[in-house]
Amino acid sequence: MQSRWLEGLTWPEAELALHELPTVLLPLGARTKEHGHHLPLNNDWLIAEYLARRVAEQCPVLVLPTLQYGFYPAFLEYPGSISVRWEACRDTIVDICRSLANQGAKRFYVLNTGISTVKSLDAARQAVSGEGSRFEFTDIRSAYEPLRRQVETQPAGTHADEIETSMMLYIAPEVVRLDLAERDIHPDHGPGGLTRDPQAKAGVYSRTGAYGDPTLATAEKGKFLVEGMVQYLVEQVRTLSNEHVRRAPATLPSR
């Protein structure tokens, strides 16, 4: 059984795929979120698209179009960054799952590339699971941690840093402007979202919008991180696809 991409199907083909393929894969990656001076706004979208393709090569899934808006409040001081309310992000994901559950889907996996989106995804899982479907998502904090420990040399960082920049050097080196990368770590500021104001009483000061040291990034580190992440995702999706699902009544309650 081969993976299918929903957007390219006719509705009769979609009906068949929804019943035949064990899991619906929803990539979630911001297409408009700052990533420093050296990475594009669509950085997370590019990662989500890439990882979805790699997972679909190894697992039979029905791939949905990447959800390109989400809950990303920590970056709004940097022009071009867009965030929706966490409730809006939750409701969008729930409504997507509800739509396809009514059409035969039983399992949903959100390939998540953000951290703040976990709040919305936790709530979405509760809602979708309560309606009889299985729902899981990527928590990148736990997914990346064992991998990054083996290659990370920066003293601190979580965003557009050594780790994320290394991944992009492997996935899409043509979009990385490494000549503009700068170390941007200020341990005397925080916690909170990133801020461009060095005098701000709350938040992590970042002049560039990065938090970490992207100058340490290499494609070799990126290959290790990305291939490890692909393996992690494939294992998660295979586990979900093999689980038994007890379906709720065919007609789901409206909110």
Protein backbone atom coordinates (compact mmCIF):
# COMPACT_ATOMS: atom_id res chain seq x y z
CA MET A 1 0.00 0.00 0.00
CA GLN A 2 1.42 3.36 -1.02
CA SER A 3 0.92 6.79 0.54
CA ARG A 4 -1.38 9.26 -1.16
CA TRP A 5 -1.59 13.06 -1.08
CA LEU A 6 -5.18 14.14 -0.45
CA GLU A 7 -5.11 17.35 -2.48
CA GLY A 8 -4.31 15.55 -5.72
CA LEU A 9 -7.16 13.02 -5.49
CA THR A 10 -10.68 13.10 -6.80
CA TRP A 11 -13.37 12.63 -4.18
CA PRO A 12 -13.99 8.97 -5.09
CA GLU A 13 -10.25 8.37 -4.79
CA ALA A 14 -10.23 10.22 -1.47
CA GLU A 15 -13.09 8.05 -0.20
CA LEU A 16 -11.10 4.92 -0.98
CA ALA A 17 -7.88 6.29 0.52
CA LEU A 18 -9.60 7.33 3.76
CA HIS A 19 -10.80 3.77 4.29
CA GLU A 20 -7.70 1.96 3.06
CA LEU A 21 -4.81 3.97 4.49
CA PRO A 22 -4.40 3.47 8.24
CA THR A 23 -3.33 6.98 9.25
CA VAL A 24 -3.92 10.57 8.15
CA LEU A 25 -0.73 12.65 8.35
CA LEU A 26 -1.15 16.38 8.97
CA PRO A 27 2.13 18.34 8.77
CA LEU A 28 2.13 21.54 10.83
CA GLY A 29 4.83 24.10 10.09
CA ALA A 30 4.81 27.89 10.11
CA ARG A 31 5.21 29.52 6.71
CA THR A 32 5.46 33.02 8.17
CA LYS A 33 7.63 32.95 11.32
CA GLU A 34 10.95 34.74 11.69
CA HIS A 35 14.11 32.67 11.86
CA GLY A 36 16.86 35.22 12.31
CA HIS A 37 18.76 37.00 9.58
CA HIS A 38 19.94 33.81 7.89
CA LEU A 39 16.83 31.61 7.50
CA PRO A 40 13.56 32.36 5.67
CA LEU A 41 10.16 32.89 7.24
CA ASN A 42 8.93 29.61 5.77
CA ASN A 43 11.67 27.61 7.51
CA ASP A 44 9.32 25.41 9.56
CA TRP A 45 7.04 24.84 6.57
CA LEU A 46 10.02 23.58 4.55
CA ILE A 47 10.98 21.21 7.38
CA ALA A 48 7.41 19.93 7.74
CA GLU A 49 7.06 19.34 4.00
CA TYR A 50 10.38 17.50 3.85
CA LEU A 51 9.71 15.28 6.86
CA ALA A 52 6.21 14.46 5.63
CA ARG A 53 7.65 13.25 2.32
CA ARG A 54 10.24 11.11 4.07
CA VAL A 55 7.65 9.55 6.39
CA ALA A 56 5.27 8.89 3.48
CA GLU A 57 8.06 6.98 1.70
CA GLN A 58 8.24 4.50 4.57
CA CYS A 59 4.70 4.41 5.98
CA PRO A 60 1.36 4.15 4.16
CA VAL A 61 -0.36 7.43 5.10
CA LEU A 62 -2.80 9.89 3.62
CA VAL A 63 -0.89 13.18 3.60
CA LEU A 64 -2.82 16.42 4.05
CA PRO A 65 -1.60 19.84 2.90
CA THR A 66 0.76 21.34 5.46
CA LEU A 67 -1.04 23.58 7.93
CA GLN A 68 0.94 26.82 7.62
CA TYR A 69 -0.55 28.96 10.40
CA GLY A 70 -0.47 28.18 14.09
CA PHE A 71 0.08 29.45 17.61
CA TYR A 72 3.48 31.20 17.61
CA PRO A 73 3.21 34.19 19.97
CA ALA A 74 6.90 34.36 20.88
CA PHE A 75 7.98 35.88 17.56
CA LEU A 76 5.50 38.65 16.88
CA GLU A 77 7.95 41.52 17.45
CA TYR A 78 9.72 40.49 14.26
CA PRO A 79 8.00 41.65 11.04
CA GLY A 80 6.44 38.94 8.90
CA SER A 81 5.69 36.65 11.84
CA ILE A 82 2.06 35.58 12.16
CA SER A 83 0.36 33.82 15.06
CA VAL A 84 -3.24 32.78 15.53
CA ARG A 85 -4.89 32.28 18.92
CA TRP A 86 -4.13 28.92 20.50
CA GLU A 87 -7.85 28.20 20.54
CA ALA A 88 -8.06 28.94 16.81
CA CYS A 89 -5.16 26.59 16.13
CA ARG A 90 -6.82 23.89 18.26
CA ASP A 91 -10.20 24.33 16.59
CA THR A 92 -8.75 24.23 13.08
CA ILE A 93 -7.02 20.93 13.79
CA VAL A 94 -10.10 19.46 15.48
CA ASP A 95 -12.33 20.50 12.58
CA ILE A 96 -9.94 18.95 10.04
CA CYS A 97 -9.97 15.68 11.95
CA ARG A 98 -13.73 15.79 12.50
CA SER A 99 -14.34 16.33 8.79
CA LEU A 100 -12.26 13.31 7.78
CA ALA A 101 -13.44 11.10 10.66
CA ASN A 102 -16.96 11.47 9.30
CA GLN A 103 -15.60 10.18 5.99
CA GLY A 104 -13.85 7.09 7.35
CA ALA A 105 -10.51 8.17 8.83
CA LYS A 106 -9.63 6.51 12.14
CA ARG A 107 -6.17 7.75 13.08
CA PHE A 108 -4.49 11.14 12.87
CA TYR A 109 -0.86 12.08 13.33
CA VAL A 110 0.18 15.75 13.38
CA LEU A 111 3.79 16.13 12.28
CA ASN A 112 4.44 19.17 14.43
CA THR A 113 7.53 21.38 14.03
CA GLY A 114 6.80 23.95 16.75
CA ILE A 115 6.97 24.20 20.52
CA SER A 116 4.19 26.64 21.42
CA THR A 117 1.79 24.63 19.23
CA VAL A 118 1.89 21.80 21.79
CA LYS A 119 -0.69 23.68 23.87
CA SER A 120 -3.15 23.59 20.98
CA LEU A 121 -2.29 20.01 20.07
CA ASP A 122 -2.80 18.70 23.60
CA ALA A 123 -6.28 20.20 23.61
CA ALA A 124 -7.00 18.91 20.10
CA ARG A 125 -5.97 15.39 21.09
CA GLN A 126 -8.39 15.44 23.99
CA ALA A 127 -11.24 16.55 21.74
CA VAL A 128 -10.54 14.17 18.85
CA SER A 129 -9.88 11.19 21.10
CA GLY A 130 -13.14 11.88 22.90
CA GLU A 131 -14.94 11.43 19.59
CA GLY A 132 -13.56 7.95 18.97
CA SER A 133 -10.48 8.53 16.80
CA ARG A 134 -6.82 8.12 17.69
CA PHE A 135 -4.73 11.29 17.61
CA GLU A 136 -1.03 11.75 18.25
CA PHE A 137 1.48 14.48 17.49
CA THR A 138 5.17 15.26 17.55
CA ASP A 139 6.52 16.95 20.66
CA ILE A 140 9.81 18.17 19.25
CA ARG A 141 11.25 18.88 22.68
CA SER A 142 11.37 15.17 23.52
CA ALA A 143 11.92 14.09 19.90
CA TYR A 144 15.07 16.17 19.36
CA GLU A 145 16.59 16.02 22.83
CA PRO A 146 18.51 12.73 22.54
CA LEU A 147 19.70 13.71 19.07
CA ARG A 148 20.83 17.23 19.83
CA ARG A 149 22.81 16.10 22.87
CA GLN A 150 25.11 14.18 20.53
CA VAL A 151 26.01 17.05 18.20
CA GLU A 152 25.27 20.35 19.97
CA THR A 153 28.21 22.57 20.91
CA GLN A 154 26.44 25.91 21.51
CA PRO A 155 26.01 26.86 25.20
CA ALA A 156 22.31 27.63 24.74
CA GLY A 157 19.76 27.86 21.99
CA THR A 158 16.36 26.76 20.73
CA HIS A 159 15.50 28.86 17.67
CA ALA A 160 17.31 29.41 14.35
CA ASP A 161 20.30 28.08 16.25
CA GLU A 162 23.05 25.54 15.66
CA ILE A 163 20.52 22.70 15.57
CA GLU A 164 17.86 24.20 13.31
CA THR A 165 20.39 25.76 10.95
CA SER A 166 22.25 22.46 10.63
CA MET A 167 19.00 20.75 9.65
CA MET A 168 18.35 23.34 6.97
CA LEU A 169 21.89 23.00 5.62
CA TYR A 170 21.03 19.35 5.01
CA ILE A 171 17.41 19.75 3.86
CA ALA A 172 17.58 22.95 1.80
CA PRO A 173 21.08 24.49 1.78
CA GLU A 174 20.08 26.90 -0.97
CA VAL A 175 17.88 28.92 1.44
CA VAL A 176 20.49 29.26 4.20
CA ARG A 177 22.41 32.54 4.25
CA LEU A 178 25.17 31.44 6.58
CA ASP A 179 27.14 34.63 5.93
CA LEU A 180 24.42 36.50 7.86
CA ALA A 181 24.30 34.08 10.79
CA GLU A 182 25.31 35.46 14.19
CA ARG A 183 25.64 34.11 17.70
CA ASP A 184 22.77 35.63 19.69
CA ILE A 185 22.74 34.44 23.30
CA HIS A 186 21.96 36.70 26.25
CA PRO A 187 21.73 34.67 29.48
CA ASP A 188 20.89 37.78 31.52
CA HIS A 189 17.52 38.16 29.74
CA GLY A 190 14.36 36.09 30.01
CA PRO A 191 12.30 34.05 30.36
CA GLY A 192 9.59 34.67 27.79
CA GLY A 193 9.24 35.17 24.07
CA LEU A 194 11.93 36.77 21.97
CA THR A 195 12.18 40.56 22.07
CA ARG A 196 14.07 43.13 20.03
CA ASP A 197 14.16 45.51 23.00
CA PRO A 198 17.34 45.12 25.12
CA GLN A 199 15.64 47.08 27.91
CA ALA A 200 12.53 44.88 28.04
CA LYS A 201 11.73 43.60 31.54
CA ALA A 202 10.35 40.32 30.18
CA GLY A 203 11.45 38.14 27.30
CA VAL A 204 14.66 36.82 25.80
CA TYR A 205 16.54 39.62 24.06
CA SER A 206 17.56 38.79 20.50
CA ARG A 207 18.68 41.44 18.06
CA THR A 208 18.64 39.01 15.15
CA GLY A 209 15.60 36.92 16.07
CA ALA A 210 17.74 33.83 16.61
CA TYR A 211 18.41 32.25 19.99
CA GLY A 212 21.64 30.28 19.94
CA ASP A 213 24.75 30.11 17.77
CA PRO A 214 23.94 29.24 14.15
CA THR A 215 27.55 29.90 13.11
CA LEU A 216 28.34 26.43 14.49
CA ALA A 217 25.94 24.70 12.12
CA THR A 218 27.10 22.13 9.58
CA ALA A 219 25.37 19.91 7.04
CA GLU A 220 26.95 16.87 8.68
CA LYS A 221 25.23 17.67 11.98
CA GLY A 222 22.05 18.31 10.05
CA LYS A 223 22.16 14.90 8.39
CA PHE A 224 22.46 13.19 11.76
CA LEU A 225 19.59 15.21 13.22
CA VAL A 226 17.25 14.87 10.25
CA GLU A 227 17.80 11.17 9.69
CA GLY A 228 17.31 10.54 13.39
CA MET A 229 14.11 12.56 13.32
CA VAL A 230 12.80 10.65 10.31
CA GLN A 231 13.38 7.38 12.15
CA TYR A 232 11.60 8.73 15.22
CA LEU A 233 8.59 9.87 13.19
CA VAL A 234 8.34 6.62 11.24
CA GLU A 235 8.29 4.65 14.49
CA GLN A 236 5.57 6.90 15.90
CA VAL A 237 3.39 6.64 12.81
CA ARG A 238 3.83 2.88 12.51
CA THR A 239 2.86 2.43 16.16
CA LEU A 240 -0.25 4.55 15.70
CA SER A 241 -1.21 2.77 12.46
CA ASN A 242 -1.07 -0.61 14.18
CA GLU A 243 -3.27 0.37 17.12
CA HIS A 244 -6.85 -0.80 17.36
CA VAL A 245 -9.38 2.02 17.25
CA ARG A 246 -12.83 1.98 18.80
CA ARG A 247 -15.00 4.26 16.77
CA ALA A 248 -17.53 6.64 18.25
CA PRO A 249 -21.03 6.83 16.70
CA ALA A 250 -20.93 7.81 13.04
CA THR A 251 -22.48 11.21 13.66
CA LEU A 252 -20.10 13.39 15.65
CA PRO A 253 -21.48 16.12 17.89
CA SER A 254 -21.11 19.66 16.61
CA ARG A 255 -19.55 22.39 18.72
